[in-house]
Protein backbone atom coordinates (compact mmCIF):
# COMPACT_ATOMS: atom_id res chain seq x y z
CA MET A 1 153.50 -4.66 167.46
CA LYS A 2 151.67 -2.79 164.70
CA PRO A 3 149.43 0.09 165.79
CA THR A 4 145.74 -0.57 165.46
CA LEU A 5 143.53 1.46 163.18
CA ALA A 6 141.87 3.09 166.21
CA LEU A 7 145.22 4.24 167.57
CA LEU A 8 146.22 5.67 164.20
CA MET A 9 142.94 7.59 163.97
CA LEU A 10 143.40 8.95 167.51
CA ALA A 11 146.94 10.09 166.70
CA ASN A 12 145.73 11.92 163.60
CA LEU A 13 142.99 13.65 165.57
CA ASN A 14 145.52 14.82 168.15
CA MET A 15 147.70 16.25 165.36
CA ILE A 16 144.89 18.36 163.94
CA ALA A 17 143.19 19.29 167.24
CA PRO A 18 143.12 23.06 167.78
CA ALA A 19 145.24 24.59 170.51
CA ARG A 20 143.46 25.02 173.82
CA ALA A 21 142.00 28.48 174.36
CA GLU A 22 143.83 30.62 176.90
CA THR A 23 142.62 33.31 179.28
CA VAL A 24 144.43 36.64 179.23
CA HIS A 25 144.28 38.62 182.47
CA LEU A 26 144.24 42.29 181.57
CA TYR A 27 145.12 44.87 184.25
CA ALA A 28 144.24 48.33 182.95
CA ALA A 29 143.75 51.93 184.03
CA GLY A 30 140.18 52.84 184.91
CA SER A 31 140.06 55.45 182.16
CA LEU A 32 140.44 52.61 179.64
CA ARG A 33 137.44 50.60 180.80
CA ALA A 34 135.04 51.44 177.97
CA ALA A 35 137.65 51.43 175.22
CA LEU A 36 139.43 48.20 176.16
CA THR A 37 136.14 46.44 176.84
CA ASP A 38 135.31 47.06 173.18
CA VAL A 39 138.82 46.08 172.08
CA ALA A 40 138.50 42.80 174.01
CA LYS A 41 135.12 42.07 172.41
CA ALA A 42 136.57 42.65 168.95
CA TYR A 43 139.52 40.38 169.75
CA GLU A 44 137.29 37.59 171.04
CA THR A 45 135.09 37.59 167.93
CA THR A 46 137.97 36.20 165.87
CA ASN A 47 139.94 34.39 168.57
CA PRO A 48 139.11 31.55 170.97
CA ASN A 49 141.09 33.18 173.80
CA LYS A 50 139.21 35.09 176.48
CA ILE A 51 140.02 38.40 178.16
CA GLU A 52 139.40 38.85 181.89
CA ALA A 53 139.91 42.49 182.83
CA LYS A 54 140.55 44.33 186.08
CA TYR A 55 140.40 48.13 186.01
CA GLY A 56 141.66 50.59 188.59
CA PRO A 57 144.34 53.18 189.41
CA SER A 58 147.51 52.26 187.53
CA GLY A 59 149.72 52.59 190.61
CA PHE A 60 147.61 50.13 192.57
CA LEU A 61 147.62 47.66 189.69
CA ARG A 62 151.38 47.87 189.31
CA ASN A 63 151.82 47.13 193.02
CA GLU A 64 149.53 44.11 192.72
CA ILE A 65 151.57 42.79 189.79
CA VAL A 66 154.80 43.27 191.75
CA ALA A 67 153.20 41.32 194.60
CA GLY A 68 152.47 38.41 192.25
CA ALA A 69 149.02 39.10 190.83
CA LYS A 70 148.15 36.89 187.86
CA ALA A 71 148.30 39.59 185.18
CA GLY A 72 149.13 39.00 181.54
CA VAL A 73 148.88 42.48 180.02
CA PHE A 74 149.29 45.76 181.90
CA ALA A 75 147.83 48.88 180.27
CA SER A 76 148.75 51.96 182.30
CA ALA A 77 147.68 55.60 182.06
CA ASN A 78 151.34 56.57 182.10
CA MET A 79 154.66 55.16 180.92
CA GLU A 80 156.35 55.16 184.33
CA HIS A 81 154.47 52.28 185.99
CA PRO A 82 155.01 49.75 183.17
CA LYS A 83 158.61 50.90 182.79
CA ALA A 84 159.13 50.21 186.49
CA LEU A 85 157.95 46.62 185.92
CA TYR A 86 160.31 46.29 182.96
CA ASP A 87 163.25 47.67 184.96
CA GLU A 88 162.51 45.08 187.66
CA HIS A 89 162.48 42.33 184.99
CA LYS A 90 158.83 41.63 185.69
CA SER A 91 157.61 42.43 182.17
CA GLY A 92 158.66 42.86 178.58
CA PRO A 93 159.38 46.09 176.69
CA VAL A 94 156.97 49.01 177.09
CA VAL A 95 155.17 50.57 174.14
CA ARG A 96 153.01 53.68 173.99
CA PHE A 97 149.62 52.53 172.76
CA ALA A 98 147.42 55.61 173.31
CA ARG A 99 147.50 59.28 174.20
CA ASN A 100 145.07 61.34 176.26
CA LYS A 101 145.06 64.83 177.76
CA LEU A 102 143.67 66.63 180.78
CA CYS A 103 140.50 68.72 180.68
CA ALA A 104 138.48 70.56 183.29
CA LEU A 105 135.02 69.20 184.07
CA VAL A 106 133.05 72.16 185.44
CA ARG A 107 129.75 72.35 187.32
CA PRO A 108 126.81 74.05 185.59
CA GLY A 109 126.55 77.80 186.17
CA LEU A 110 130.22 78.45 186.94
CA LYS A 111 131.57 80.86 184.34
CA VAL A 112 134.79 79.25 183.20
CA ASP A 113 136.65 79.16 179.92
CA SER A 114 140.24 78.51 178.91
CA THR A 115 141.23 82.14 179.46
CA ASN A 116 140.16 82.32 183.12
CA LEU A 117 140.50 78.67 184.15
CA LEU A 118 143.64 79.20 186.23
CA GLU A 119 142.04 82.18 188.00
CA ARG A 120 138.99 80.07 188.83
CA MET A 121 141.11 77.17 190.11
CA LEU A 122 142.96 79.57 192.42
CA ASP A 123 139.74 81.10 193.73
CA PRO A 124 139.41 80.03 197.40
CA ASN A 125 135.65 79.74 196.97
CA VAL A 126 135.98 77.21 194.13
CA LYS A 127 136.36 73.54 195.07
CA LEU A 128 139.01 71.88 192.91
CA GLY A 129 138.97 68.09 192.54
CA ILE A 130 141.75 65.81 191.30
CA SER A 131 142.73 62.14 191.52
CA THR A 132 145.29 60.91 194.04
CA PRO A 133 148.90 61.39 192.87
CA LYS A 134 151.20 58.34 192.90
CA ALA A 135 148.26 55.93 192.98
CA ASP A 136 146.50 57.39 189.93
CA PRO A 137 148.51 59.02 187.11
CA SER A 138 145.65 61.49 186.57
CA GLY A 139 146.63 63.04 189.90
CA ASP A 140 150.27 63.20 188.83
CA TYR A 141 149.24 64.96 185.62
CA ALA A 142 147.21 67.45 187.67
CA PHE A 143 150.32 68.24 189.71
CA GLU A 144 152.14 68.85 186.42
CA VAL A 145 149.47 71.43 185.61
CA PHE A 146 150.11 73.07 188.98
CA ALA A 147 153.86 73.16 188.29
CA LYS A 148 153.24 74.91 184.97
CA ALA A 149 150.90 77.36 186.70
CA GLU A 150 153.79 78.36 188.97
CA LYS A 151 155.66 79.79 185.97
CA ILE A 152 152.67 81.96 185.12
CA LYS A 153 151.75 83.05 188.64
CA PRO A 154 154.40 82.62 191.36
CA GLY A 155 152.96 80.86 194.38
CA ALA A 156 150.21 79.17 192.37
CA ARG A 157 151.70 75.69 192.71
CA THR A 158 151.59 75.70 196.50
CA VAL A 159 148.07 77.12 196.58
CA LEU A 160 146.75 74.56 194.10
CA GLU A 161 148.46 71.57 195.70
CA ASN A 162 147.15 72.56 199.12
CA LYS A 163 143.56 73.22 198.04
CA ALA A 164 143.12 70.35 195.56
CA LEU A 165 140.75 67.70 196.88
CA GLN A 166 142.02 64.20 196.09
CA LEU A 167 138.59 62.72 195.57
CA THR A 168 139.36 59.49 193.72
CA GLY A 169 142.14 57.02 193.04
CA SER A 170 142.92 55.98 196.63
CA ALA A 171 141.86 52.95 198.65
CA THR A 172 139.60 55.15 200.78
CA SER A 173 138.00 57.17 197.97
CA ALA A 174 134.21 57.40 197.94
CA THR A 175 132.50 55.16 195.39
CA PRO A 176 129.77 56.57 193.14
CA PRO A 177 126.40 54.88 192.74
CA ALA A 178 126.40 52.00 190.25
CA GLY A 179 126.43 53.09 186.64
CA LEU A 180 127.75 56.61 187.24
CA THR A 181 131.19 57.97 186.37
CA VAL A 182 133.07 59.03 189.47
CA TYR A 183 134.00 62.45 188.06
CA GLY A 184 130.53 63.45 186.92
CA TRP A 185 129.11 62.20 190.21
CA HIS A 186 131.52 64.27 192.31
CA VAL A 187 130.70 67.42 190.34
CA ALA A 188 126.94 66.73 190.37
CA ALA A 189 127.03 66.05 194.12
CA GLY A 190 128.81 69.34 194.79
CA HIS A 191 132.05 67.75 195.98
CA ALA A 192 133.97 69.70 193.32
CA ASP A 193 133.22 72.76 191.21
CA ILE A 194 136.09 71.97 188.84
CA PHE A 195 137.55 68.50 188.39
CA LEU A 196 140.78 68.01 186.47
CA THR A 197 140.53 64.66 184.70
CA TYR A 198 141.21 63.03 181.35
CA CYS A 199 139.24 64.52 178.49
CA THR A 200 137.85 61.06 177.74
CA ASN A 201 136.49 60.86 181.30
CA ALA A 202 135.02 64.36 181.00
CA VAL A 203 133.17 63.39 177.82
CA ALA A 204 131.71 60.30 179.54
CA ALA A 205 130.65 62.42 182.54
CA GLN A 206 128.99 65.01 180.31
CA LYS A 207 126.93 62.29 178.62
CA GLU A 208 125.44 61.53 182.04
CA ASN A 209 125.20 65.21 183.02
CA PRO A 210 124.68 67.27 179.84
CA GLU A 211 124.81 70.60 181.70
CA GLN A 212 128.31 69.96 183.01
CA GLN A 213 130.92 71.90 181.05
CA ILE A 214 134.16 70.65 179.50
CA VAL A 215 136.89 73.29 179.36
CA ALA A 216 140.17 72.79 177.54
CA LEU A 217 143.30 73.70 179.46
CA PRO A 218 145.14 76.69 177.93
CA ASP A 219 148.35 75.82 176.11
CA ASN A 220 150.58 77.25 178.84
CA VAL A 221 149.33 74.73 181.42
CA ALA A 222 148.13 71.92 179.15
CA VAL A 223 149.34 68.40 179.93
CA SER A 224 149.18 65.33 177.70
CA ALA A 225 149.15 61.75 178.91
CA ASP A 226 151.03 58.88 177.28
CA TYR A 227 149.61 55.41 178.00
CA GLY A 228 152.05 52.50 178.25
CA LEU A 229 151.50 48.81 177.51
CA THR A 230 153.60 45.83 178.61
CA VAL A 231 153.27 42.04 178.72
CA VAL A 232 153.98 40.61 182.17
CA ALA A 233 156.76 38.05 182.49
CA GLY A 234 155.54 34.46 182.49
CA ALA A 235 152.22 35.30 180.85
CA PRO A 236 150.78 32.86 178.28
CA SER A 237 151.51 33.46 174.60
CA ALA A 238 147.97 34.76 174.17
CA ALA A 239 148.92 37.82 176.25
CA GLN A 240 151.39 38.99 173.62
CA GLN A 241 148.82 38.23 170.95
CA PHE A 242 146.27 40.46 172.67
CA ALA A 243 148.85 43.22 173.17
CA ASP A 244 149.58 43.06 169.45
CA PHE A 245 145.84 43.33 168.74
CA ILE A 246 145.63 46.51 170.84
CA MET A 247 148.41 47.96 168.69
CA SER A 248 146.79 46.79 165.44
CA SER A 249 144.81 49.11 163.18
CA THR A 250 141.56 47.62 164.55
CA GLY A 251 142.57 48.14 168.17
CA GLN A 252 143.80 51.66 167.52
CA GLU A 253 140.61 52.60 165.68
CA ILE A 254 138.53 51.51 168.67
CA LEU A 255 140.67 53.59 171.04
CA VAL A 256 140.36 56.63 168.79
CA GLY A 257 136.61 56.08 168.67
CA HIS A 258 136.56 56.47 172.46
CA GLY A 259 138.36 59.81 172.31
CA PHE A 260 141.98 58.70 172.64
CA THR A 261 144.73 59.61 170.20
CA SER A 262 146.60 56.76 168.58
CA GLY A 263 149.76 55.77 170.36
CA LYS A 264 151.62 55.05 167.15
């Protein structure tokens, strides 16, 4: 039986119909919220796919992915968490897509600069805040700072690890009021006199609290942070497409505009 004209027209329409838009579930470190929100917006302006993002401590997000969370792209504040997924055959290869570094966010009035920062952190009267190690890479990087301090002043590592207040990055961490950065809020509320955090976070906190100081870590204790990106196994093809967009010149320019260094 010969196909009718209507059937032929329907077949032609099916051949030229655009592919259905997909949703990419992005799991990303909290320090990437502002930057990757802008990257996602730029991606969506030229692509029918949509990005649904969840931000939080990288260690928590990795555990959720291992437990079966519906993630497509994982953007971590370190290389270790995505590499662990890759080693467990739960994701594809890992690429470094951005770099950051640690800075000290300091309360107004405390006399601190790069030359006396370690002395101030060791001062028993100075409250030192960090993120929670293991759960949040920022806390792991802070412990790296403490390890370097040991080479400068024997005994410093133990003192710093014992006195450091793990104020964010855990399931029980206090939550700041809506619209405030957690680091700036902790310093403004007097929970910490010095908070070791990513420089990008410190800049955001200072915008909310202009009198808060940002102090660069001296070279002998400075720590840089490499951010790793991986596509989760079984994710739709759009996930790889979005990962490629993050690595594109447009994606990298947006990250640099938010204070990161290009990962390329």
